[in-house]
Structures are given as C-alpha cells and as structure tokens.
N, C-alpha and C. Protein backbone atom coordinates (compact mmCIF):
# COMPACT_ATOMS: atom_id res chain seq x y z
N UNK A 1 -17.76 -5.90 12.34
CA UNK A 1 -16.47 -5.69 11.99
C UNK A 1 -15.55 -7.12 12.51
N UNK A 2 -14.66 -7.17 11.75
CA UNK A 2 -13.77 -8.81 11.95
C UNK A 2 -12.86 -8.62 13.07
N UNK A 3 -12.97 -9.65 13.84
CA UNK A 3 -11.98 -9.66 15.02
C UNK A 3 -10.42 -10.16 14.43
N UNK A 4 -10.43 -10.73 13.32
CA UNK A 4 -9.29 -11.71 12.82
C UNK A 4 -8.82 -11.03 11.55
N UNK A 5 -7.76 -11.10 11.22
CA UNK A 5 -7.12 -10.79 9.75
C UNK A 5 -7.55 -11.86 8.83
N UNK A 6 -8.00 -11.32 7.61
CA UNK A 6 -8.34 -12.31 6.59
C UNK A 6 -7.46 -12.01 5.37
N UNK A 7 -7.12 -12.90 4.39
CA UNK A 7 -6.20 -12.55 3.30
C UNK A 7 -6.79 -11.30 2.42
N UNK A 8 -7.88 -10.80 2.25
CA UNK A 8 -8.46 -9.71 1.99
C UNK A 8 -8.08 -8.47 2.69
N UNK A 9 -8.14 -8.69 4.04
CA UNK A 9 -7.73 -7.41 4.81
C UNK A 9 -6.19 -7.17 4.63
N UNK A 10 -5.55 -8.39 4.55
CA UNK A 10 -4.03 -8.17 4.44
C UNK A 10 -3.81 -7.55 3.11
N UNK A 11 -4.31 -8.05 1.87
CA UNK A 11 -4.07 -7.39 0.58
C UNK A 11 -4.47 -6.05 0.60
N UNK A 12 -5.53 -5.64 1.26
CA UNK A 12 -5.87 -4.10 1.37
C UNK A 12 -4.77 -3.43 2.21
N UNK A 13 -4.40 -3.78 3.31
CA UNK A 13 -3.34 -3.18 4.06
C UNK A 13 -2.22 -2.89 3.37
N UNK A 14 -1.82 -4.08 2.60
CA UNK A 14 -0.52 -3.79 1.69
C UNK A 14 -0.64 -2.85 0.69
N UNK A 15 -1.89 -2.71 0.05
CA UNK A 15 -2.07 -1.56 -0.98
C UNK A 15 -1.99 -0.31 -0.43
N UNK A 16 -2.74 -0.05 0.82
CA UNK A 16 -2.80 0.96 1.64
C UNK A 16 -1.46 1.62 1.90
N UNK A 17 -0.59 0.73 2.35
CA UNK A 17 0.77 0.87 2.74
C UNK A 17 1.56 1.43 1.39
N UNK A 18 1.41 0.73 0.48
CA UNK A 18 2.47 1.25 -0.57
C UNK A 18 1.73 2.57 -1.35
N UNK A 19 0.27 2.82 -1.28
CA UNK A 19 -0.24 4.13 -1.75
C UNK A 19 0.33 5.18 -0.82
N UNK A 20 0.24 4.97 0.50
CA UNK A 20 0.82 5.87 1.39
C UNK A 20 2.31 6.17 1.19
N UNK A 21 3.08 5.17 0.74
CA UNK A 21 4.46 5.46 0.62
C UNK A 21 4.73 6.29 -0.78
N UNK A 22 3.62 5.98 -1.66
CA UNK A 22 3.88 6.64 -2.90
C UNK A 22 3.42 8.29 -2.76
N UNK A 23 2.40 8.56 -1.82
CA UNK A 23 2.00 9.72 -1.41
C UNK A 23 2.96 10.55 -0.82
N UNK A 24 3.53 10.05 0.20
CA UNK A 24 4.40 10.72 1.13
C UNK A 24 5.87 10.95 0.84
N UNK A 25 6.36 9.81 -0.09
CA UNK A 25 7.59 9.94 -0.58
C UNK A 25 7.80 10.95 -1.58
N UNK A 26 9.12 11.33 -1.79
CA UNK A 26 8.99 12.38 -2.89
C UNK A 26 10.61 12.87 -2.93
N UNK A 27 10.77 13.94 -3.60
CA UNK A 27 12.02 14.72 -3.57
C UNK A 27 12.41 15.14 -1.97
N UNK A 28 13.64 15.11 -1.69
CA UNK A 28 14.14 15.55 -0.39
C UNK A 28 15.23 16.50 -0.79
N UNK A 29 15.38 17.57 -0.09
CA UNK A 29 16.73 18.24 -0.23
C UNK A 29 16.08 19.75 -0.36
N UNK A 30 16.99 20.61 -0.88
CA UNK A 30 16.45 22.06 -1.05
C UNK A 30 15.36 22.36 -2.19
N UNK A 31 14.42 23.17 -2.01
CA UNK A 31 13.62 23.47 -3.20
C UNK A 31 14.26 24.07 -4.27
N UNK A 32 13.36 24.03 -5.35
CA UNK A 32 14.09 25.00 -6.49
C UNK A 32 13.98 26.27 -6.46
N UNK A 33 14.48 26.91 -7.23
CA UNK A 33 14.69 28.34 -7.29
C UNK A 33 13.20 28.80 -7.65
N UNK A 34 12.83 29.84 -6.92
CA UNK A 34 11.47 30.67 -7.18
C UNK A 34 10.28 29.78 -6.56
N UNK A 35 10.47 28.79 -5.55
CA UNK A 35 9.52 28.00 -4.97
C UNK A 35 9.15 28.31 -3.73
N UNK A 36 8.99 29.47 -3.52
CA UNK A 36 8.87 30.15 -2.09
C UNK A 36 7.38 29.98 -1.51
N UNK A 37 6.49 29.49 -2.46
CA UNK A 37 5.26 29.20 -1.90
C UNK A 37 5.09 28.15 -1.05
N UNK A 38 4.26 28.01 0.11
CA UNK A 38 3.80 27.03 0.95
C UNK A 38 3.25 25.98 0.23
N UNK A 39 3.54 24.76 0.75
CA UNK A 39 2.89 23.62 0.42
C UNK A 39 1.52 23.73 0.10
N UNK A 40 0.68 23.21 -0.75
CA UNK A 40 -0.65 23.24 -0.92
C UNK A 40 -1.39 22.16 -0.10
N UNK A 41 -1.97 22.38 0.74
CA UNK A 41 -2.81 21.48 1.64
C UNK A 41 -4.23 21.40 1.30
N UNK A 42 -4.72 20.02 1.39
CA UNK A 42 -6.00 19.92 0.71
C UNK A 42 -7.25 19.95 1.75
N UNK A 43 -8.24 20.43 1.50
CA UNK A 43 -9.68 20.35 2.46
C UNK A 43 -10.82 19.74 1.59
N UNK A 44 -11.52 19.45 2.07
CA UNK A 44 -12.83 18.57 1.38
C UNK A 44 -13.23 19.17 0.04
N UNK A 45 -13.32 20.55 0.22
CA UNK A 45 -14.09 21.20 -1.31
C UNK A 45 -13.04 20.74 -2.40
N UNK A 46 -11.63 20.95 -2.01
CA UNK A 46 -10.59 20.87 -2.85
C UNK A 46 -10.75 19.19 -3.73
N UNK A 47 -10.95 18.46 -2.79
CA UNK A 47 -11.02 16.93 -3.10
C UNK A 47 -12.18 16.66 -3.91
N UNK A 48 -13.46 17.64 -3.45
CA UNK A 48 -14.81 17.42 -4.18
C UNK A 48 -14.43 17.97 -5.60
N UNK A 49 -13.86 19.13 -5.72
CA UNK A 49 -13.53 19.81 -7.13
C UNK A 49 -12.89 19.03 -7.90
N UNK A 50 -11.86 18.37 -7.35
CA UNK A 50 -11.03 17.41 -8.19
C UNK A 50 -11.67 16.24 -8.94
N UNK A 51 -12.62 15.67 -7.95
CA UNK A 51 -13.55 14.62 -8.43
C UNK A 51 -14.34 15.07 -9.38
N UNK A 52 -15.16 16.30 -9.23
CA UNK A 52 -16.04 16.79 -10.41
C UNK A 52 -15.32 17.01 -11.66
N UNK A 53 -14.32 17.61 -11.50
CA UNK A 53 -13.55 18.04 -12.79
C UNK A 53 -12.89 17.11 -13.56
N UNK A 54 -12.60 16.10 -12.73
CA UNK A 54 -11.70 14.92 -13.17
C UNK A 54 -10.13 15.40 -13.14
N UNK A 55 -9.88 16.52 -12.68
CA UNK A 55 -8.53 16.88 -12.59
C UNK A 55 -7.45 16.31 -11.81
N UNK A 56 -8.15 15.13 -10.82
CA UNK A 56 -7.26 14.34 -9.88
C UNK A 56 -6.65 13.26 -10.82
N UNK A 57 -6.82 13.20 -12.11
CA UNK A 57 -6.14 12.14 -12.80
C UNK A 57 -5.01 12.75 -13.62
N UNK A 58 -4.61 14.03 -13.43
CA UNK A 58 -3.33 14.57 -14.03
C UNK A 58 -2.51 14.76 -13.04
N UNK A 59 -1.42 14.29 -13.37
CA UNK A 59 -0.19 14.07 -12.01
C UNK A 59 0.08 15.62 -11.42
N UNK A 60 0.16 16.61 -12.48
CA UNK A 60 0.71 17.87 -11.74
C UNK A 60 -0.49 18.85 -11.17
N UNK A 61 -1.81 18.33 -11.36
CA UNK A 61 -3.03 18.90 -10.81
C UNK A 61 -3.56 18.24 -9.60
N UNK A 62 -2.86 17.15 -9.43
CA UNK A 62 -3.50 16.36 -8.25
C UNK A 62 -3.00 16.86 -6.95
N UNK A 63 -3.79 17.45 -6.07
CA UNK A 63 -3.73 17.76 -4.92
C UNK A 63 -2.82 16.98 -3.93
N UNK A 64 -1.85 17.19 -3.12
CA UNK A 64 -1.10 16.24 -2.33
C UNK A 64 -2.20 16.05 -1.08
N UNK A 65 -2.26 14.65 -0.83
CA UNK A 65 -3.04 14.52 0.28
C UNK A 65 -2.37 14.39 1.76
N UNK A 66 -2.47 15.04 2.62
CA UNK A 66 -1.81 15.14 3.87
C UNK A 66 -2.40 13.84 4.79
N UNK A 67 -1.42 13.04 4.86
CA UNK A 67 -1.56 11.50 5.83
C UNK A 67 -1.56 11.99 7.10
N UNK A 68 -2.46 11.04 7.78
CA UNK A 68 -2.65 11.29 9.39
C UNK A 68 -1.43 10.35 9.91
N UNK A 69 -1.02 10.42 11.25
CA UNK A 69 -0.05 9.79 11.94
C UNK A 69 -0.20 8.30 11.84
N UNK A 70 -1.63 8.07 12.15
CA UNK A 70 -2.18 6.54 12.41
C UNK A 70 -1.74 5.90 10.95
N UNK A 71 -2.08 6.68 9.91
CA UNK A 71 -1.77 6.19 8.52
C UNK A 71 -0.19 5.79 8.33
N UNK A 72 0.63 6.55 8.52
CA UNK A 72 1.86 6.51 8.38
C UNK A 72 2.24 5.36 9.51
N UNK A 73 1.98 5.50 10.57
CA UNK A 73 2.40 4.27 11.47
C UNK A 73 2.02 3.07 10.98
N UNK A 74 0.68 2.81 10.44
CA UNK A 74 0.41 1.69 9.95
C UNK A 74 1.28 1.11 8.52
N UNK A 75 1.76 2.17 7.93
CA UNK A 75 2.46 1.90 6.61
C UNK A 75 3.87 1.51 7.08
N UNK A 76 4.36 1.97 8.26
CA UNK A 76 5.62 1.53 8.59
C UNK A 76 5.47 0.12 9.00
N UNK A 77 4.46 -0.35 10.04
CA UNK A 77 4.45 -1.59 10.23
C UNK A 77 4.47 -2.57 9.22
N UNK A 78 3.68 -2.09 8.08
CA UNK A 78 3.66 -3.23 7.17
C UNK A 78 4.96 -3.22 6.29
N UNK A 79 5.51 -2.32 5.99
CA UNK A 79 6.52 -2.12 5.14
C UNK A 79 8.04 -2.14 5.76
N UNK A 80 8.04 -1.83 7.14
CA UNK A 80 9.43 -1.77 7.67
C UNK A 80 9.42 -2.68 8.90
N UNK A 81 8.23 -3.16 9.66
CA UNK A 81 8.26 -3.95 10.75
C UNK A 81 8.20 -2.98 11.86
N UNK A 82 8.11 -3.52 13.11
CA UNK A 82 7.94 -2.81 14.35
C UNK A 82 8.08 -3.60 15.57
N UNK A 83 8.09 -2.83 16.70
CA UNK A 83 8.32 -3.45 18.09
C UNK A 83 6.89 -3.21 18.67
N UNK A 84 6.46 -4.71 19.14
CA UNK A 84 5.16 -4.65 19.69
C UNK A 84 5.26 -4.09 21.11
N UNK A 85 4.05 -4.00 21.77
CA UNK A 85 4.15 -3.45 23.32
C UNK A 85 4.66 -4.52 24.15
N UNK A 86 4.80 -5.69 23.88
CA UNK A 86 5.45 -6.81 24.71
C UNK A 86 7.03 -6.72 24.48
N UNK A 87 7.58 -5.78 23.51
CA UNK A 87 8.97 -5.73 23.28
C UNK A 87 9.59 -6.67 22.30
N UNK A 88 8.52 -7.39 21.48
CA UNK A 88 9.17 -8.27 20.60
C UNK A 88 9.45 -7.56 19.20
N UNK A 89 10.53 -7.88 18.45
CA UNK A 89 10.65 -7.18 17.13
C UNK A 89 9.95 -7.97 16.04
N UNK A 90 8.91 -7.19 15.52
CA UNK A 90 8.21 -8.23 14.50
C UNK A 90 8.64 -7.63 13.03
N UNK A 91 8.80 -8.50 12.04
CA UNK A 91 9.31 -8.24 10.72
C UNK A 91 8.36 -7.38 9.86
N UNK A 92 8.68 -6.84 8.69
CA UNK A 92 7.84 -6.41 7.88
C UNK A 92 7.25 -7.64 7.28
N UNK A 93 5.96 -7.25 6.82
CA UNK A 93 5.09 -8.35 6.19
C UNK A 93 5.48 -9.22 5.14
N UNK A 94 6.24 -8.47 4.16
CA UNK A 94 6.58 -9.25 2.98
C UNK A 94 7.77 -10.22 3.10
N UNK A 95 9.02 -9.38 3.72
CA UNK A 95 10.28 -9.73 3.79
C UNK A 95 10.44 -10.69 5.19
N UNK A 96 9.44 -10.79 6.05
CA UNK A 96 9.46 -11.39 7.31
C UNK A 96 8.75 -12.65 7.13
N UNK A 97 7.45 -12.68 6.90
CA UNK A 97 6.57 -13.79 7.18
C UNK A 97 6.75 -14.61 5.71
N UNK A 98 7.10 -13.98 4.69
CA UNK A 98 7.31 -14.73 3.49
C UNK A 98 8.66 -14.80 2.86
N UNK A 99 9.50 -14.70 4.03
CA UNK A 99 11.08 -14.77 3.68
C UNK A 99 11.49 -15.88 2.85
N UNK A 100 11.00 -16.98 3.08
CA UNK A 100 11.57 -18.27 2.51
C UNK A 100 10.49 -18.69 1.26
N UNK A 101 9.63 -17.91 1.01
CA UNK A 101 8.33 -18.26 -0.04
C UNK A 101 8.52 -17.33 -1.18
N UNK A 102 9.62 -17.56 -1.98
CA UNK A 102 9.65 -16.52 -3.07
C UNK A 102 8.46 -16.18 -3.84
N UNK A 103 7.72 -17.33 -4.31
CA UNK A 103 6.61 -17.05 -5.23
C UNK A 103 5.62 -16.37 -4.68
N UNK A 104 4.93 -16.70 -3.41
CA UNK A 104 4.05 -15.97 -2.87
C UNK A 104 4.35 -14.47 -2.62
N UNK A 105 5.69 -14.35 -2.22
CA UNK A 105 6.08 -13.21 -2.05
C UNK A 105 6.04 -12.26 -3.14
N UNK A 106 6.64 -12.67 -4.20
CA UNK A 106 6.95 -11.80 -5.53
C UNK A 106 5.39 -11.48 -6.05
N UNK A 107 4.40 -12.40 -6.00
CA UNK A 107 3.23 -12.11 -6.61
C UNK A 107 2.32 -11.08 -5.61
N UNK A 108 2.56 -11.27 -4.30
CA UNK A 108 1.78 -10.48 -3.34
C UNK A 108 2.47 -9.09 -3.62
N UNK A 109 3.63 -8.88 -3.64
CA UNK A 109 4.41 -7.67 -3.92
C UNK A 109 4.21 -6.99 -5.18
N UNK A 110 3.89 -7.77 -6.17
CA UNK A 110 3.47 -7.08 -7.33
C UNK A 110 2.16 -6.82 -7.41
N UNK A 111 1.32 -7.46 -6.78
CA UNK A 111 -0.22 -6.95 -6.62
C UNK A 111 -0.34 -5.65 -5.95
N UNK A 112 0.41 -5.73 -4.81
CA UNK A 112 0.15 -4.58 -3.87
C UNK A 112 0.82 -3.30 -4.52
N UNK A 113 2.00 -3.42 -5.08
CA UNK A 113 2.73 -2.23 -5.70
C UNK A 113 1.83 -1.70 -6.85
N UNK A 114 1.40 -2.60 -7.54
CA UNK A 114 0.75 -2.19 -9.09
C UNK A 114 -0.48 -1.44 -8.71
N UNK A 115 -1.26 -2.27 -7.62
CA UNK A 115 -2.39 -1.85 -7.40
C UNK A 115 -2.61 -0.48 -6.61
N UNK A 116 -1.22 -0.24 -5.97
CA UNK A 116 -1.30 1.26 -5.40
C UNK A 116 -0.98 2.16 -6.40
N UNK A 117 -0.24 1.92 -7.31
CA UNK A 117 0.30 2.93 -8.37
C UNK A 117 -0.79 3.20 -9.16
N UNK A 118 -1.83 2.28 -9.66
CA UNK A 118 -2.89 2.60 -10.62
C UNK A 118 -4.05 3.21 -9.63
N UNK A 119 -4.24 2.83 -8.28
CA UNK A 119 -5.24 3.67 -7.61
C UNK A 119 -4.94 5.06 -7.60
N UNK A 120 -3.55 5.42 -7.40
CA UNK A 120 -3.38 6.64 -7.13
C UNK A 120 -3.77 7.45 -8.49
N UNK A 121 -3.68 6.89 -9.52
CA UNK A 121 -3.86 7.52 -10.76
C UNK A 121 -5.45 7.29 -11.35
N UNK A 122 -6.26 6.88 -10.47
CA UNK A 122 -7.65 6.87 -10.60
C UNK A 122 -8.02 5.66 -11.45
N UNK A 123 -7.18 4.61 -11.76
CA UNK A 123 -7.26 3.48 -12.63
C UNK A 123 -7.30 2.23 -11.74
N UNK A 124 -7.78 1.18 -12.27
CA UNK A 124 -7.52 -0.02 -11.52
C UNK A 124 -6.33 -1.08 -12.17
N UNK A 125 -5.77 -1.99 -11.49
CA UNK A 125 -4.57 -2.59 -11.97
C UNK A 125 -5.12 -4.00 -12.55
N UNK A 126 -4.82 -3.99 -13.78
CA UNK A 126 -5.13 -5.30 -14.59
C UNK A 126 -4.17 -6.23 -14.57
N UNK A 127 -4.56 -7.28 -13.80
CA UNK A 127 -3.79 -8.34 -13.16
C UNK A 127 -3.43 -9.17 -14.72
N UNK A 128 -4.29 -9.41 -15.28
CA UNK A 128 -4.29 -10.23 -16.45
C UNK A 128 -3.26 -9.70 -17.43
N UNK A 129 -3.38 -8.55 -17.77
CA UNK A 129 -2.14 -7.73 -18.72
C UNK A 129 -1.12 -8.01 -18.25
N UNK A 130 -0.83 -7.68 -16.91
CA UNK A 130 0.48 -7.84 -16.19
C UNK A 130 1.00 -8.96 -16.19
N UNK A 131 0.49 -9.87 -16.06
CA UNK A 131 0.66 -11.34 -15.99
C UNK A 131 1.25 -11.73 -17.59
N UNK A 132 0.33 -11.28 -18.48
CA UNK A 132 0.82 -11.43 -19.88
C UNK A 132 2.13 -10.76 -20.24
N UNK A 133 2.24 -9.60 -19.74
CA UNK A 133 3.41 -8.90 -20.13
C UNK A 133 4.87 -9.45 -19.57
N UNK A 134 4.69 -10.13 -18.12
CA UNK A 134 5.94 -10.49 -17.66
C UNK A 134 5.97 -11.95 -17.79
N UNK A 135 5.21 -12.67 -18.57
CA UNK A 135 5.18 -13.98 -18.82
C UNK A 135 4.73 -14.98 -17.69
N UNK A 136 3.93 -14.47 -16.88
CA UNK A 136 3.44 -15.40 -15.75
C UNK A 136 1.91 -16.04 -16.09
N UNK A 137 1.74 -16.96 -15.47
CA UNK A 137 0.32 -17.62 -15.56
C UNK A 137 -0.60 -16.82 -14.62
N UNK A 138 -1.74 -16.23 -15.16
CA UNK A 138 -2.68 -15.39 -14.40
C UNK A 138 -3.26 -16.47 -13.19
N UNK A 139 -3.44 -17.64 -13.29
CA UNK A 139 -4.28 -18.48 -12.17
C UNK A 139 -3.05 -18.75 -11.43
N UNK A 140 -1.69 -18.97 -11.60
CA UNK A 140 -0.79 -19.19 -10.64
C UNK A 140 -0.65 -17.91 -9.88
N UNK A 141 -0.50 -16.79 -10.48
CA UNK A 141 -0.35 -15.37 -9.73
C UNK A 141 -1.35 -15.26 -8.81
N UNK A 142 -2.84 -15.62 -9.11
CA UNK A 142 -3.77 -15.30 -8.28
C UNK A 142 -3.63 -16.26 -6.87
N UNK A 143 -3.25 -17.48 -7.19
CA UNK A 143 -3.01 -18.63 -6.03
C UNK A 143 -2.20 -18.25 -5.28
N UNK A 144 -0.94 -17.81 -5.77
CA UNK A 144 0.50 -17.53 -5.02
C UNK A 144 -0.08 -16.06 -4.21
N UNK A 145 -0.65 -15.28 -4.82
CA UNK A 145 -0.91 -14.01 -4.10
C UNK A 145 -1.92 -14.16 -2.86
N UNK A 146 -2.87 -15.07 -3.29
CA UNK A 146 -3.88 -15.30 -1.99
C UNK A 146 -3.07 -16.20 -1.12
N UNK A 147 -2.27 -17.16 -1.46
CA UNK A 147 -1.55 -18.05 -0.45
C UNK A 147 -0.73 -17.06 0.39
N UNK A 148 0.14 -16.22 -0.09
CA UNK A 148 0.97 -15.32 0.67
C UNK A 148 -0.02 -14.57 1.57
N UNK A 149 -0.99 -13.98 1.11
CA UNK A 149 -1.73 -13.16 2.05
C UNK A 149 -2.40 -14.01 3.26
N UNK A 150 -3.02 -15.16 2.79
CA UNK A 150 -3.12 -16.12 4.02
C UNK A 150 -2.29 -16.44 4.88
N UNK A 151 -0.96 -16.65 4.46
CA UNK A 151 -0.03 -16.93 5.37
C UNK A 151 0.26 -15.58 6.37
N UNK A 152 0.38 -14.26 5.83
CA UNK A 152 0.57 -13.18 6.64
C UNK A 152 -0.67 -13.25 7.62
N UNK A 153 -1.83 -13.56 6.99
CA UNK A 153 -2.96 -13.25 8.10
C UNK A 153 -2.81 -14.24 9.16
N UNK A 154 -2.58 -15.40 8.86
CA UNK A 154 -2.27 -16.45 9.94
C UNK A 154 -1.36 -16.02 10.97
N UNK A 155 -0.06 -15.29 10.50
CA UNK A 155 1.02 -15.16 11.62
C UNK A 155 0.17 -13.73 12.39
N UNK A 156 -0.36 -12.77 11.60
CA UNK A 156 -0.91 -11.75 12.37
C UNK A 156 -2.01 -12.05 13.39
N UNK A 157 -2.80 -13.28 12.98
CA UNK A 157 -3.75 -13.68 14.07
C UNK A 157 -3.05 -14.35 15.28
N UNK A 158 -2.01 -15.18 14.98
CA UNK A 158 -1.32 -15.68 16.23
C UNK A 158 -0.76 -14.86 16.91
N UNK A 159 -0.19 -13.77 16.50
CA UNK A 159 0.46 -12.55 17.34
C UNK A 159 -0.65 -11.81 17.98
N UNK A 160 -1.80 -11.82 17.56
CA UNK A 160 -2.93 -11.22 18.43
C UNK A 160 -3.18 -9.69 17.91
N UNK A 161 -2.56 -9.31 16.74
CA UNK A 161 -2.73 -8.05 16.31
C UNK A 161 -3.98 -7.96 15.59
N UNK A 162 -4.70 -6.55 16.21
CA UNK A 162 -6.07 -6.54 15.66
C UNK A 162 -6.13 -5.89 14.29
N UNK A 163 -7.07 -6.34 13.42
CA UNK A 163 -7.28 -5.64 12.17
C UNK A 163 -7.61 -4.26 12.23
N UNK A 164 -7.41 -3.56 11.00
CA UNK A 164 -7.59 -2.19 11.17
C UNK A 164 -8.94 -1.80 10.63
N UNK A 165 -9.31 -2.62 9.71
CA UNK A 165 -10.55 -2.21 9.11
C UNK A 165 -11.97 -2.58 9.71
C-alpha cells in the first residue's frame, strides 16, 4: 500500500468523489403523488442480479447504491474542502490547489466529471472523442490533466494526508 499520494490516486479520488456526488445528489422536496413506497435499498443479491441481467445500464432499473459515511466524508473533502485535526482550513482540491492554473484545473475537472458520468452508466470515458468534440488537443489535455493531478498530490503529501487506497 502506498504511503504517499500519486497523480493516479488523485485522479481516482476525484472520479470517486464525482460518482458519489452523482449517486447521492438528486431531487429534493416533497415526493410525487402516489410514491408512498419506501426507498429501495440494495443488497449484494440485487447487485449480482443487475450485473447478470445487464439491467444496471438502464437508468430507471438501476438500484440506488447507499453510500457509507466514510465515502461521503471523502467526497466532501475533495469537492468542498475541510478542516484538518490541527484546525487548518484546507481548500477543495480543484478550486484550491489549482486556483491560478486554469488549464490543468479545467482538464482534470473534465476528466473526473466525465469519467464519473460514464462509469455510473457502465461505460468508459472516451477522452479522444471528448477532446475532438470540444476542440482540444488530446495530448495537451492529457499532459495538463496529469500535471494538475501531480500538483494536488504534491500538496496533499506536504500536508501529510494519508492516501485512501
């Protein structure tokens, strides 16, 4: 197990944070008329059946995954920032550590958001197609994404924050 943050771990943590945000975020307010049934919770048999039948690729058939408090806390650390045990206010990862670096921030955010979006749907993010669609050079996108992740990893290692994986 690694004792320091690496750019790959940072990218994975960002993707996980956006996946959790997509999973837990949703409609707020009163439920619609006729929806008195309790929320459907998932157990391992449900997940197995969804994988076997392929029904987890269909949005309305996909069971809602109940996230653990540790996952929610990590998502908040990544996306919102937090206060460490020493009382220091630490920024969110993209807006804080890459505040003055627009290129790496935009590329890393695009990678994390799109990867999370497509992972939830059971597909993979096609970065080359994305870059072509928005008019970016694929190699510049990759180098800026990796540079942004390396900068965040450097800051996290300086702070002494232990990696999660």
